[in-house]
Amino acid sequence: MAKFEQTLLGHHPYLVAELESDILNSGISMRVVEESVYVASPLKVTTKVYDKYFMRNSSRASLTLTVIEDGRNTHVIAIGAGGSQGAVFNFSWGAEQELVDVVKKTIRNKEY
């Protein structure tokens, strides 16, 4: 499992769309599995679950992305899971971290 969290100062209305674009463009087998949006003004919580097939270990890994906006700040949580091979030895070959790194890179490169 891999995890990344960061609170960004300010409201970023296009952040979820930019993250989704970068996530989906990170691999041909990446797809959105499910999503949910909850709004109780000014609070907005968006959760999206993605998965990707990794040929190197014949498995799928998932990325759960949660973006919480409160009108003043934005909190991003990315959790990568799955991607391991075998029942006894859980070798993921870095699949979970690779998914989380896409979110990290987007946040850091866009200078939010």
PDB file of N, CA and C in Angstrom:
ATOM      1  N   MET A   1       0.843  -1.170   0.000  1.00  0.00           N
ATOM      2  CA  MET A   1       0.000   0.000   0.000  1.00  0.00           C
ATOM      3  C   MET A   1       0.887   1.231   0.000  1.00  0.00           C
ATOM      4  N   ALA A   2       0.422   2.281  -0.662  1.00  0.00           N
ATOM      5  CA  ALA A   2       1.136   3.552  -0.700  1.00  0.00           C
ATOM      6  C   ALA A   2       0.124   4.669  -0.465  1.00  0.00           C
ATOM      7  N   LYS A   3       0.588   5.735   0.159  1.00  0.00           N
ATOM      8  CA  LYS A   3      -0.334   6.820   0.507  1.00  0.00           C
ATOM      9  C   LYS A   3       0.364   8.169   0.352  1.00  0.00           C
ATOM     10  N   PHE A   4      -0.418   9.166  -0.077  1.00  0.00           N
ATOM     11  CA  PHE A   4       0.049  10.540  -0.194  1.00  0.00           C
ATOM     12  C   PHE A   4      -1.087  11.449   0.256  1.00  0.00           C
ATOM     13  N   GLU A   5      -0.776  12.417   1.106  1.00  0.00           N
ATOM     14  CA  GLU A   5      -1.761  13.409   1.537  1.00  0.00           C
ATOM     15  C   GLU A   5      -1.116  14.780   1.509  1.00  0.00           C
ATOM     16  N   GLN A   6      -1.893  15.755   1.080  1.00  0.00           N
ATOM     17  CA  GLN A   6      -1.388  17.128   1.108  1.00  0.00           C
ATOM     18  C   GLN A   6      -2.568  18.090   1.166  1.00  0.00           C
ATOM     19  N   THR A   7      -2.416  19.118   2.006  1.00  0.00           N
ATOM     20  CA  THR A   7      -3.398  20.184   2.070  1.00  0.00           C
ATOM     21  C   THR A   7      -2.856  21.365   1.287  1.00  0.00           C
ATOM     22  N   LEU A   8      -3.671  21.865   0.388  1.00  0.00           N
ATOM     23  CA  LEU A   8      -3.295  22.983  -0.460  1.00  0.00           C
ATOM     24  C   LEU A   8      -4.057  24.220  -0.002  1.00  0.00           C
ATOM     25  N   LEU A   9      -3.380  25.332   0.062  1.00  0.00           N
ATOM     26  CA  LEU A   9      -4.041  26.570   0.435  1.00  0.00           C
ATOM     27  C   LEU A   9      -4.867  27.057  -0.734  1.00  0.00           C
ATOM     28  N   GLY A  10      -6.100  27.384  -0.466  1.00  0.00           N
ATOM     29  CA  GLY A  10      -6.974  27.917  -1.504  1.00  0.00           C
ATOM     30  C   GLY A  10      -7.899  26.880  -2.098  1.00  0.00           C
ATOM     31  N   HIS A  11      -8.845  27.385  -2.829  1.00  0.00           N
ATOM     32  CA  HIS A  11      -9.850  26.577  -3.522  1.00  0.00           C
ATOM     33  C   HIS A  11      -9.352  26.340  -4.948  1.00  0.00           C
ATOM     34  N   HIS A  12      -9.360  25.112  -5.397  1.00  0.00           N
ATOM     35  CA  HIS A  12      -8.829  24.756  -6.708  1.00  0.00           C
ATOM     36  C   HIS A  12      -9.907  24.037  -7.515  1.00  0.00           C
ATOM     37  N   PRO A  13     -10.784  24.783  -8.184  1.00  0.00           N
ATOM     38  CA  PRO A  13     -11.936  24.174  -8.844  1.00  0.00           C
ATOM     39  C   PRO A  13     -11.604  23.212  -9.985  1.00  0.00           C
ATOM     40  N   TYR A  14     -10.427  23.311 -10.584  1.00  0.00           N
ATOM     41  CA  TYR A  14     -10.081  22.445 -11.710  1.00  0.00           C
ATOM     42  C   TYR A  14      -9.157  21.293 -11.323  1.00  0.00           C
ATOM     43  N   LEU A  15      -8.830  21.188 -10.053  1.00  0.00           N
ATOM     44  CA  LEU A  15      -7.867  20.190  -9.593  1.00  0.00           C
ATOM     45  C   LEU A  15      -8.313  18.762  -9.890  1.00  0.00           C
ATOM     46  N   VAL A  16      -9.542  18.415  -9.608  1.00  0.00           N
ATOM     47  CA  VAL A  16     -10.015  17.041  -9.828  1.00  0.00           C
ATOM     48  C   VAL A  16      -9.922  16.682 -11.306  1.00  0.00           C
ATOM     49  N   ALA A  17     -10.295  17.599 -12.190  1.00  0.00           N
ATOM     50  CA  ALA A  17     -10.219  17.329 -13.631  1.00  0.00           C
ATOM     51  C   ALA A  17      -8.774  17.144 -14.080  1.00  0.00           C
ATOM     52  N   GLU A  18      -7.861  17.956 -13.559  1.00  0.00           N
ATOM     53  CA  GLU A  18      -6.450  17.824 -13.920  1.00  0.00           C
ATOM     54  C   GLU A  18      -5.864  16.519 -13.397  1.00  0.00           C
ATOM     55  N   LEU A  19      -6.214  16.171 -12.160  1.00  0.00           N
ATOM     56  CA  LEU A  19      -5.743  14.902 -11.605  1.00  0.00           C
ATOM     57  C   LEU A  19      -6.274  13.734 -12.432  1.00  0.00           C
ATOM     58  N   GLU A  20      -7.559  13.776 -12.760  1.00  0.00           N
ATOM     59  CA  GLU A  20      -8.139  12.677 -13.532  1.00  0.00           C
ATOM     60  C   GLU A  20      -7.465  12.543 -14.892  1.00  0.00           C
ATOM     61  N   SER A  21      -7.207  13.647 -15.550  1.00  0.00           N
ATOM     62  CA  SER A  21      -6.540  13.610 -16.847  1.00  0.00           C
ATOM     63  C   SER A  21      -5.165  12.965 -16.734  1.00  0.00           C
ATOM     64  N   ASP A  22      -4.385  13.386 -15.755  1.00  0.00           N
ATOM     65  CA  ASP A  22      -3.046  12.826 -15.581  1.00  0.00           C
ATOM     66  C   ASP A  22      -3.094  11.352 -15.188  1.00  0.00           C
ATOM     67  N   ILE A  23      -4.046  10.991 -14.338  1.00  0.00           N
ATOM     68  CA  ILE A  23      -4.187   9.589 -13.913  1.00  0.00           C
ATOM     69  C   ILE A  23      -4.560   8.709 -15.099  1.00  0.00           C
ATOM     70  N   LEU A  24      -5.568   9.111 -15.866  1.00  0.00           N
ATOM     71  CA  LEU A  24      -6.006   8.298 -17.000  1.00  0.00           C
ATOM     72  C   LEU A  24      -4.943   8.222 -18.093  1.00  0.00           C
ATOM     73  N   ASN A  25      -4.139   9.261 -18.229  1.00  0.00           N
ATOM     74  CA  ASN A  25      -3.077   9.256 -19.235  1.00  0.00           C
ATOM     75  C   ASN A  25      -1.818   8.530 -18.776  1.00  0.00           C
ATOM     76  N   SER A  26      -1.823   8.016 -17.549  1.00  0.00           N
ATOM     77  CA  SER A  26      -0.631   7.353 -17.016  1.00  0.00           C
ATOM     78  C   SER A  26      -0.473   5.914 -17.502  1.00  0.00           C
ATOM     79  N   GLY A  27      -1.462   5.393 -18.173  1.00  0.00           N
ATOM     80  CA  GLY A  27      -1.353   4.029 -18.689  1.00  0.00           C
ATOM     81  C   GLY A  27      -2.571   3.645 -19.504  1.00  0.00           C
ATOM     82  N   ILE A  28      -2.353   2.836 -20.513  1.00  0.00           N
ATOM     83  CA  ILE A  28      -3.440   2.462 -21.416  1.00  0.00           C
ATOM     84  C   ILE A  28      -4.524   1.647 -20.713  1.00  0.00           C
ATOM     85  N   SER A  29      -4.149   0.903 -19.677  1.00  0.00           N
ATOM     86  CA  SER A  29      -5.132   0.063 -18.987  1.00  0.00           C
ATOM     87  C   SER A  29      -5.776   0.765 -17.781  1.00  0.00           C
ATOM     88  N   MET A  30      -5.426   2.036 -17.543  1.00  0.00           N
ATOM     89  CA  MET A  30      -6.008   2.783 -16.416  1.00  0.00           C
ATOM     90  C   MET A  30      -7.467   3.118 -16.727  1.00  0.00           C
ATOM     91  N   ARG A  31      -8.325   2.912 -15.738  1.00  0.00           N
ATOM     92  CA  ARG A  31      -9.752   3.223 -15.929  1.00  0.00           C
ATOM     93  C   ARG A  31     -10.379   3.667 -14.619  1.00  0.00           C
ATOM     94  N   VAL A  32     -11.481   4.410 -14.740  1.00  0.00           N
ATOM     95  CA  VAL A  32     -12.269   4.814 -13.575  1.00  0.00           C
ATOM     96  C   VAL A  32     -13.201   3.659 -13.248  1.00  0.00           C
ATOM     97  N   VAL A  33     -13.184   3.223 -11.988  1.00  0.00           N
ATOM     98  CA  VAL A  33     -14.049   2.125 -11.566  1.00  0.00           C
ATOM     99  C   VAL A  33     -15.356   2.674 -11.010  1.00  0.00           C
ATOM    100  N   GLU A  34     -15.259   3.711 -10.173  1.00  0.00           N
ATOM    101  CA  GLU A  34     -16.443   4.315  -9.556  1.00  0.00           C
ATOM    102  C   GLU A  34     -16.084   5.691  -9.038  1.00  0.00           C
ATOM    103  N   GLU A  35     -17.098   6.513  -8.829  1.00  0.00           N
ATOM    104  CA  GLU A  35     -16.871   7.840  -8.288  1.00  0.00           C
ATOM    105  C   GLU A  35     -18.087   8.306  -7.500  1.00  0.00           C
ATOM    106  N   SER A  36     -17.820   9.257  -6.604  1.00  0.00           N
ATOM    107  CA  SER A  36     -18.886   9.829  -5.779  1.00  0.00           C
ATOM    108  C   SER A  36     -18.541  11.285  -5.487  1.00  0.00           C
ATOM    109  N   VAL A  37     -19.559  12.120  -5.517  1.00  0.00           N
ATOM    110  CA  VAL A  37     -19.386  13.534  -5.170  1.00  0.00           C
ATOM    111  C   VAL A  37     -20.444  13.880  -4.135  1.00  0.00           C
ATOM    112  N   TYR A  38     -19.991  14.469  -3.036  1.00  0.00           N
ATOM    113  CA  TYR A  38     -20.896  14.899  -1.970  1.00  0.00           C
ATOM    114  C   TYR A  38     -20.694  16.394  -1.768  1.00  0.00           C
ATOM    115  N   VAL A  39     -21.790  17.152  -1.787  1.00  0.00           N
ATOM    116  CA  VAL A  39     -21.709  18.595  -1.604  1.00  0.00           C
ATOM    117  C   VAL A  39     -22.647  19.016  -0.477  1.00  0.00           C
ATOM    118  N   ALA A  40     -22.096  19.734   0.499  1.00  0.00           N
ATOM    119  CA  ALA A  40     -22.856  20.376   1.569  1.00  0.00           C
ATOM    120  C   ALA A  40     -22.169  21.730   1.740  1.00  0.00           C
ATOM    121  N   SER A  41     -22.591  22.665   0.919  1.00  0.00           N
ATOM    122  CA  SER A  41     -21.904  23.940   0.766  1.00  0.00           C
ATOM    123  C   SER A  41     -21.434  24.529   2.093  1.00  0.00           C
ATOM    124  N   PRO A  42     -20.193  24.951   2.184  1.00  0.00           N
ATOM    125  CA  PRO A  42     -19.184  25.060   1.137  1.00  0.00           C
ATOM    126  C   PRO A  42     -18.354  23.787   0.957  1.00  0.00           C
ATOM    127  N   LEU A  43     -18.674  22.720   1.691  1.00  0.00           N
ATOM    128  CA  LEU A  43     -17.896  21.491   1.629  1.00  0.00           C
ATOM    129  C   LEU A  43     -18.220  20.697   0.365  1.00  0.00           C
ATOM    130  N   LYS A  44     -17.156  20.226  -0.312  1.00  0.00           N
ATOM    131  CA  LYS A  44     -17.326  19.355  -1.475  1.00  0.00           C
ATOM    132  C   LYS A  44     -16.302  18.235  -1.358  1.00  0.00           C
ATOM    133  N   VAL A  45     -16.781  16.996  -1.398  1.00  0.00           N
ATOM    134  CA  VAL A  45     -15.920  15.831  -1.287  1.00  0.00           C
ATOM    135  C   VAL A  45     -16.083  14.993  -2.555  1.00  0.00           C
ATOM    136  N   THR A  46     -14.990  14.787  -3.247  1.00  0.00           N
ATOM    137  CA  THR A  46     -14.991  13.966  -4.451  1.00  0.00           C
ATOM    138  C   THR A  46     -14.095  12.755  -4.195  1.00  0.00           C
ATOM    139  N   THR A  47     -14.645  11.574  -4.436  1.00  0.00           N
ATOM    140  CA  THR A  47     -13.873  10.341  -4.309  1.00  0.00           C
ATOM    141  C   THR A  47     -13.965   9.599  -5.630  1.00  0.00           C
ATOM    142  N   LYS A  48     -12.814   9.175  -6.130  1.00  0.00           N
ATOM    143  CA  LYS A  48     -12.761   8.409  -7.370  1.00  0.00           C
ATOM    144  C   LYS A  48     -11.853   7.203  -7.144  1.00  0.00           C
ATOM    145  N   VAL A  49     -12.263   6.074  -7.699  1.00  0.00           N
ATOM    146  CA  VAL A  49     -11.471   4.856  -7.603  1.00  0.00           C
ATOM    147  C   VAL A  49     -11.072   4.453  -9.029  1.00  0.00           C
ATOM    148  N   TYR A  50      -9.787   4.228  -9.204  1.00  0.00           N
ATOM    149  CA  TYR A  50      -9.227   3.837 -10.492  1.00  0.00           C
ATOM    150  C   TYR A  50      -8.563   2.483 -10.332  1.00  0.00           C
ATOM    151  N   ASP A  51      -8.417   1.765 -11.447  1.00  0.00           N
ATOM    152  CA  ASP A  51      -7.564   0.592 -11.403  1.00  0.00           C
ATOM    153  C   ASP A  51      -6.780   0.477 -12.699  1.00  0.00           C
ATOM    154  N   LYS A  52      -5.684  -0.261 -12.603  1.00  0.00           N
ATOM    155  CA  LYS A  52      -4.769  -0.390 -13.734  1.00  0.00           C
ATOM    156  C   LYS A  52      -4.189  -1.801 -13.723  1.00  0.00           C
ATOM    157  N   TYR A  53      -4.060  -2.360 -14.898  1.00  0.00           N
ATOM    158  CA  TYR A  53      -3.441  -3.671 -15.047  1.00  0.00           C
ATOM    159  C   TYR A  53      -1.929  -3.497 -15.183  1.00  0.00           C
ATOM    160  N   PHE A  54      -1.177  -4.297 -14.430  1.00  0.00           N
ATOM    161  CA  PHE A  54       0.278  -4.275 -14.496  1.00  0.00           C
ATOM    162  C   PHE A  54       0.762  -5.601 -15.066  1.00  0.00           C
ATOM    163  N   MET A  55       1.310  -5.537 -16.267  1.00  0.00           N
ATOM    164  CA  MET A  55       1.778  -6.735 -16.947  1.00  0.00           C
ATOM    165  C   MET A  55       2.971  -7.354 -16.226  1.00  0.00           C
ATOM    166  N   ARG A  56       3.812  -6.514 -15.599  1.00  0.00           N
ATOM    167  CA  ARG A  56       5.047  -7.021 -14.998  1.00  0.00           C
ATOM    168  C   ARG A  56       4.806  -8.041 -13.885  1.00  0.00           C
ATOM    169  N   ASN A  57       3.625  -7.980 -13.245  1.00  0.00           N
ATOM    170  CA  ASN A  57       3.320  -8.987 -12.229  1.00  0.00           C
ATOM    171  C   ASN A  57       1.910  -9.563 -12.396  1.00  0.00           C
ATOM    172  N   SER A  58       1.327  -9.360 -13.556  1.00  0.00           N
ATOM    173  CA  SER A  58       0.003  -9.918 -13.902  1.00  0.00           C
ATOM    174  C   SER A  58      -1.034  -9.645 -12.820  1.00  0.00           C
ATOM    175  N   SER A  59      -1.180  -8.372 -12.450  1.00  0.00           N
ATOM    176  CA  SER A  59      -2.157  -8.023 -11.422  1.00  0.00           C
ATOM    177  C   SER A  59      -2.785  -6.669 -11.728  1.00  0.00           C
ATOM    178  N   ARG A  60      -3.805  -6.354 -10.962  1.00  0.00           N
ATOM    179  CA  ARG A  60      -4.426  -5.037 -11.047  1.00  0.00           C
ATOM    180  C   ARG A  60      -4.173  -4.334  -9.725  1.00  0.00           C
ATOM    181  N   ALA A  61      -3.940  -3.030  -9.800  1.00  0.00           N
ATOM    182  CA  ALA A  61      -3.779  -2.219  -8.599  1.00  0.00           C
ATOM    183  C   ALA A  61      -4.827  -1.113  -8.658  1.00  0.00           C
ATOM    184  N   SER A  62      -5.239  -0.651  -7.492  1.00  0.00           N
ATOM    185  CA  SER A  62      -6.247   0.408  -7.463  1.00  0.00           C
ATOM    186  C   SER A  62      -5.675   1.674  -6.836  1.00  0.00           C
ATOM    187  N   LEU A  63      -6.250   2.787  -7.256  1.00  0.00           N
ATOM    188  CA  LEU A  63      -5.921   4.091  -6.708  1.00  0.00           C
ATOM    189  C   LEU A  63      -7.225   4.722  -6.250  1.00  0.00           C
ATOM    190  N   THR A  64      -7.289   5.077  -4.980  1.00  0.00           N
ATOM    191  CA  THR A  64      -8.444   5.804  -4.461  1.00  0.00           C
ATOM    192  C   THR A  64      -8.009   7.245  -4.248  1.00  0.00           C
ATOM    193  N   LEU A  65      -8.710   8.150  -4.905  1.00  0.00           N
ATOM    194  CA  LEU A  65      -8.403   9.576  -4.821  1.00  0.00           C
ATOM    195  C   LEU A  65      -9.570  10.288  -4.142  1.00  0.00           C
ATOM    196  N   THR A  66      -9.267  11.009  -3.080  1.00  0.00           N
ATOM    197  CA  THR A  66     -10.281  11.810  -2.396  1.00  0.00           C
ATOM    198  C   THR A  66      -9.796  13.248  -2.357  1.00  0.00           C
ATOM    199  N   VAL A  67     -10.645  14.169  -2.802  1.00  0.00           N
ATOM    200  CA  VAL A  67     -10.335  15.598  -2.775  1.00  0.00           C
ATOM    201  C   VAL A  67     -11.430  16.274  -1.965  1.00  0.00           C
ATOM    202  N   ILE A  68     -11.029  16.948  -0.889  1.00  0.00           N
ATOM    203  CA  ILE A  68     -11.967  17.615   0.012  1.00  0.00           C
ATOM    204  C   ILE A  68     -11.718  19.116  -0.075  1.00  0.00           C
ATOM    205  N   GLU A  69     -12.742  19.836  -0.483  1.00  0.00           N
ATOM    206  CA  GLU A  69     -12.647  21.293  -0.586  1.00  0.00           C
ATOM    207  C   GLU A  69     -13.615  21.902   0.424  1.00  0.00           C
ATOM    208  N   ASP A  70     -13.134  22.887   1.181  1.00  0.00           N
ATOM    209  CA  ASP A  70     -14.005  23.523   2.172  1.00  0.00           C
ATOM    210  C   ASP A  70     -14.244  24.997   1.879  1.00  0.00           C
ATOM    211  N   GLY A  71     -13.912  25.430   0.671  1.00  0.00           N
ATOM    212  CA  GLY A  71     -14.090  26.830   0.309  1.00  0.00           C
ATOM    213  C   GLY A  71     -12.853  27.670   0.589  1.00  0.00           C
ATOM    214  N   ARG A  72     -11.985  27.175   1.453  1.00  0.00           N
ATOM    215  CA  ARG A  72     -10.745  27.884   1.784  1.00  0.00           C
ATOM    216  C   ARG A  72      -9.517  27.049   1.450  1.00  0.00           C
ATOM    217  N   ASN A  73      -9.581  25.774   1.750  1.00  0.00           N
ATOM    218  CA  ASN A  73      -8.454  24.879   1.525  1.00  0.00           C
ATOM    219  C   ASN A  73      -8.922  23.632   0.785  1.00  0.00           C
ATOM    220  N   THR A  74      -7.952  22.937   0.206  1.00  0.00           N
ATOM    221  CA  THR A  74      -8.224  21.693  -0.505  1.00  0.00           C
ATOM    222  C   THR A  74      -7.285  20.631   0.031  1.00  0.00           C
ATOM    223  N   HIS A  75      -7.843  19.488   0.420  1.00  0.00           N
ATOM    224  CA  HIS A  75      -7.048  18.386   0.948  1.00  0.00           C
ATOM    225  C   HIS A  75      -7.139  17.224  -0.041  1.00  0.00           C
ATOM    226  N   VAL A  76      -5.980  16.705  -0.443  1.00  0.00           N
ATOM    227  CA  VAL A  76      -5.908  15.612  -1.410  1.00  0.00           C
ATOM    228  C   VAL A  76      -5.361  14.372  -0.710  1.00  0.00           C
ATOM    229  N   ILE A  77      -6.051  13.247  -0.912  1.00  0.00           N
ATOM    230  CA  ILE A  77      -5.610  11.960  -0.369  1.00  0.00           C
ATOM    231  C   ILE A  77      -5.576  10.968  -1.524  1.00  0.00           C
ATOM    232  N   ALA A  78      -4.440  10.311  -1.706  1.00  0.00           N
ATOM    233  CA  ALA A  78      -4.299   9.271  -2.729  1.00  0.00           C
ATOM    234  C   ALA A  78      -3.781   8.009  -2.053  1.00  0.00           C
ATOM    235  N   ILE A  79      -4.512   6.905  -2.236  1.00  0.00           N
ATOM    236  CA  ILE A  79      -4.109   5.630  -1.640  1.00  0.00           C
ATOM    237  C   ILE A  79      -4.071   4.579  -2.737  1.00  0.00           C
ATOM    238  N   GLY A  80      -2.914   3.972  -2.903  1.00  0.00           N
ATOM    239  CA  GLY A  80      -2.744   2.891  -3.860  1.00  0.00           C
ATOM    240  C   GLY A  80      -2.772   1.562  -3.119  1.00  0.00           C
ATOM    241  N   ALA A  81      -3.472   0.585  -3.680  1.00  0.00           N
ATOM    242  CA  ALA A  81      -3.582  -0.725  -3.029  1.00  0.00           C
ATOM    243  C   ALA A  81      -3.673  -1.819  -4.082  1.00  0.00           C
ATOM    244  N   GLY A  82      -3.518  -3.049  -3.621  1.00  0.00           N
ATOM    245  CA  GLY A  82      -3.566  -4.189  -4.524  1.00  0.00           C
ATOM    246  C   GLY A  82      -2.257  -4.298  -5.274  1.00  0.00           C
ATOM    247  N   GLY A  83      -2.287  -4.881  -6.421  1.00  0.00           N
ATOM    248  CA  GLY A  83      -1.107  -4.950  -7.254  1.00  0.00           C
ATOM    249  C   GLY A  83      -0.107  -6.007  -6.858  1.00  0.00           C
ATOM    250  N   SER A  84      -0.396  -6.752  -5.783  1.00  0.00           N
ATOM    251  CA  SER A  84       0.573  -7.759  -5.370  1.00  0.00           C
ATOM    252  C   SER A  84       0.279  -9.088  -6.054  1.00  0.00           C
ATOM    253  N   GLN A  85       1.283  -9.923  -6.046  1.00  0.00           N
ATOM    254  CA  GLN A  85       1.179 -11.212  -6.698  1.00  0.00           C
ATOM    255  C   GLN A  85       1.465 -12.300  -5.678  1.00  0.00           C
ATOM    256  N   GLY A  86       0.630 -13.307  -5.646  1.00  0.00           N
ATOM    257  CA  GLY A  86       0.848 -14.444  -4.749  1.00  0.00           C
ATOM    258  C   GLY A  86       0.082 -14.318  -3.453  1.00  0.00           C
ATOM    259  N   ALA A  87      -0.253 -15.460  -2.875  1.00  0.00           N
ATOM    260  CA  ALA A  87      -1.012 -15.496  -1.634  1.00  0.00           C
ATOM    261  C   ALA A  87      -0.125 -15.338  -0.406  1.00  0.00           C
ATOM    262  N   VAL A  88       1.080 -15.862  -0.477  1.00  0.00           N
ATOM    263  CA  VAL A  88       1.980 -15.834   0.671  1.00  0.00           C
ATOM    264  C   VAL A  88       2.926 -14.638   0.604  1.00  0.00           C
ATOM    265  N   PHE A  89       3.537 -14.440  -0.553  1.00  0.00           N
ATOM    266  CA  PHE A  89       4.487 -13.349  -0.729  1.00  0.00           C
ATOM    267  C   PHE A  89       3.816 -12.235  -1.522  1.00  0.00           C
ATOM    268  N   ASN A  90       3.632 -11.099  -0.900  1.00  0.00           N
ATOM    269  CA  ASN A  90       2.953  -9.981  -1.548  1.00  0.00           C
ATOM    270  C   ASN A  90       3.957  -9.063  -2.232  1.00  0.00           C
ATOM    271  N   PHE A  91       4.401  -9.461  -3.403  1.00  0.00           N
ATOM    272  CA  PHE A  91       5.325  -8.639  -4.182  1.00  0.00           C
ATOM    273  C   PHE A  91       4.521  -7.812  -5.171  1.00  0.00           C
ATOM    274  N   SER A  92       4.526  -6.507  -4.993  1.00  0.00           N
ATOM    275  CA  SER A  92       3.777  -5.641  -5.906  1.00  0.00           C
ATOM    276  C   SER A  92       4.678  -5.001  -6.948  1.00  0.00           C
ATOM    277  N   TRP A  93       5.983  -5.098  -6.768  1.00  0.00           N
ATOM    278  CA  TRP A  93       6.943  -4.481  -7.677  1.00  0.00           C
ATOM    279  C   TRP A  93       6.691  -2.992  -7.830  1.00  0.00           C
ATOM    280  N   GLY A  94       6.169  -2.355  -6.785  1.00  0.00           N
ATOM    281  CA  GLY A  94       5.987  -0.907  -6.789  1.00  0.00           C
ATOM    282  C   GLY A  94       4.736  -0.400  -7.475  1.00  0.00           C
ATOM    283  N   ALA A  95       3.791  -1.275  -7.776  1.00  0.00           N
ATOM    284  CA  ALA A  95       2.589  -0.875  -8.505  1.00  0.00           C
ATOM    285  C   ALA A  95       1.788   0.190  -7.755  1.00  0.00           C
ATOM    286  N   GLU A  96       1.583  -0.009  -6.461  1.00  0.00           N
ATOM    287  CA  GLU A  96       0.798   0.949  -5.685  1.00  0.00           C
ATOM    288  C   GLU A  96       1.475   2.317  -5.643  1.00  0.00           C
ATOM    289  N   GLN A  97       2.783   2.315  -5.425  1.00  0.00           N
ATOM    290  CA  GLN A  97       3.529   3.574  -5.353  1.00  0.00           C
ATOM    291  C   GLN A  97       3.506   4.300  -6.694  1.00  0.00           C
ATOM    292  N   GLU A  98       3.571   3.543  -7.779  1.00  0.00           N
ATOM    293  CA  GLU A  98       3.532   4.154  -9.111  1.00  0.00           C
ATOM    294  C   GLU A  98       2.238   4.941  -9.318  1.00  0.00           C
ATOM    295  N   LEU A  99       1.119   4.383  -8.858  1.00  0.00           N
ATOM    296  CA  LEU A  99      -0.163   5.068  -8.999  1.00  0.00           C
ATOM    297  C   LEU A  99      -0.208   6.344  -8.158  1.00  0.00           C
ATOM    298  N   VAL A 100       0.245   6.254  -6.928  1.00  0.00           N
ATOM    299  CA  VAL A 100       0.252   7.407  -6.023  1.00  0.00           C
ATOM    300  C   VAL A 100       1.202   8.490  -6.539  1.00  0.00           C
ATOM    301  N   ASP A 101       2.300   8.084  -7.144  1.00  0.00           N
ATOM    302  CA  ASP A 101       3.268   9.048  -7.665  1.00  0.00           C
ATOM    303  C   ASP A 101       2.691   9.926  -8.767  1.00  0.00           C
ATOM    304  N   VAL A 102       1.724   9.431  -9.510  1.00  0.00           N
ATOM    305  CA  VAL A 102       1.069  10.249 -10.538  1.00  0.00           C
ATOM    306  C   VAL A 102       0.383  11.450  -9.882  1.00  0.00           C
ATOM    307  N   VAL A 103      -0.291  11.210  -8.764  1.00  0.00           N
ATOM    308  CA  VAL A 103      -0.973  12.294  -8.038  1.00  0.00           C
ATOM    309  C   VAL A 103       0.052  13.265  -7.469  1.00  0.00           C
ATOM    310  N   LYS A 104       1.097  12.739  -6.846  1.00  0.00           N
ATOM    311  CA  LYS A 104       2.163  13.593  -6.296  1.00  0.00           C
ATOM    312  C   LYS A 104       2.745  14.505  -7.367  1.00  0.00           C
ATOM    313  N   LYS A 105       3.046  13.922  -8.507  1.00  0.00           N
ATOM    314  CA  LYS A 105       3.654  14.692  -9.590  1.00  0.00           C
ATOM    315  C   LYS A 105       2.726  15.799 -10.083  1.00  0.00           C
ATOM    316  N   THR A 106       1.454  15.504 -10.210  1.00  0.00           N
ATOM    317  CA  THR A 106       0.496  16.505 -10.665  1.00  0.00           C
ATOM    318  C   THR A 106       0.438  17.670  -9.691  1.00  0.00           C
ATOM    319  N   ILE A 107       0.340  17.357  -8.412  1.00  0.00           N
ATOM    320  CA  ILE A 107       0.264  18.411  -7.389  1.00  0.00           C
ATOM    321  C   ILE A 107       1.530  19.261  -7.397  1.00  0.00           C
ATOM    322  N   ARG A 108       2.657  18.628  -7.449  1.00  0.00           N
ATOM    323  CA  ARG A 108       3.934  19.367  -7.381  1.00  0.00           C
ATOM    324  C   ARG A 108       4.246  20.134  -8.651  1.00  0.00           C
ATOM    325  N   ASN A 109       3.888  19.584  -9.816  1.00  0.00           N
ATOM    326  CA  ASN A 109       4.185  20.262 -11.081  1.00  0.00           C
ATOM    327  C   ASN A 109       3.271  21.441 -11.373  1.00  0.00           C
ATOM    328  N   LYS A 110       2.063  21.411 -10.828  1.00  0.00           N
ATOM    329  CA  LYS A 110       1.115  22.485 -11.091  1.00  0.00           C
ATOM    330  C   LYS A 110       1.285  23.648 -10.116  1.00  0.00           C
ATOM    331  N   GLU A 111       2.111  23.450  -9.084  1.00  0.00           N
ATOM    332  CA  GLU A 111       2.384  24.480  -8.078  1.00  0.00           C
ATOM    333  C   GLU A 111       1.104  25.060  -7.472  1.00  0.00           C
ATOM    334  N   TYR A 112       0.282  24.187  -6.931  1.00  0.00           N
ATOM    335  CA  TYR A 112      -0.960  24.627  -6.274  1.00  0.00           C
ATOM    336  C   TYR A 112      -0.641  25.285  -4.965  1.00  0.00           C
TER     337      TYR A 112
END
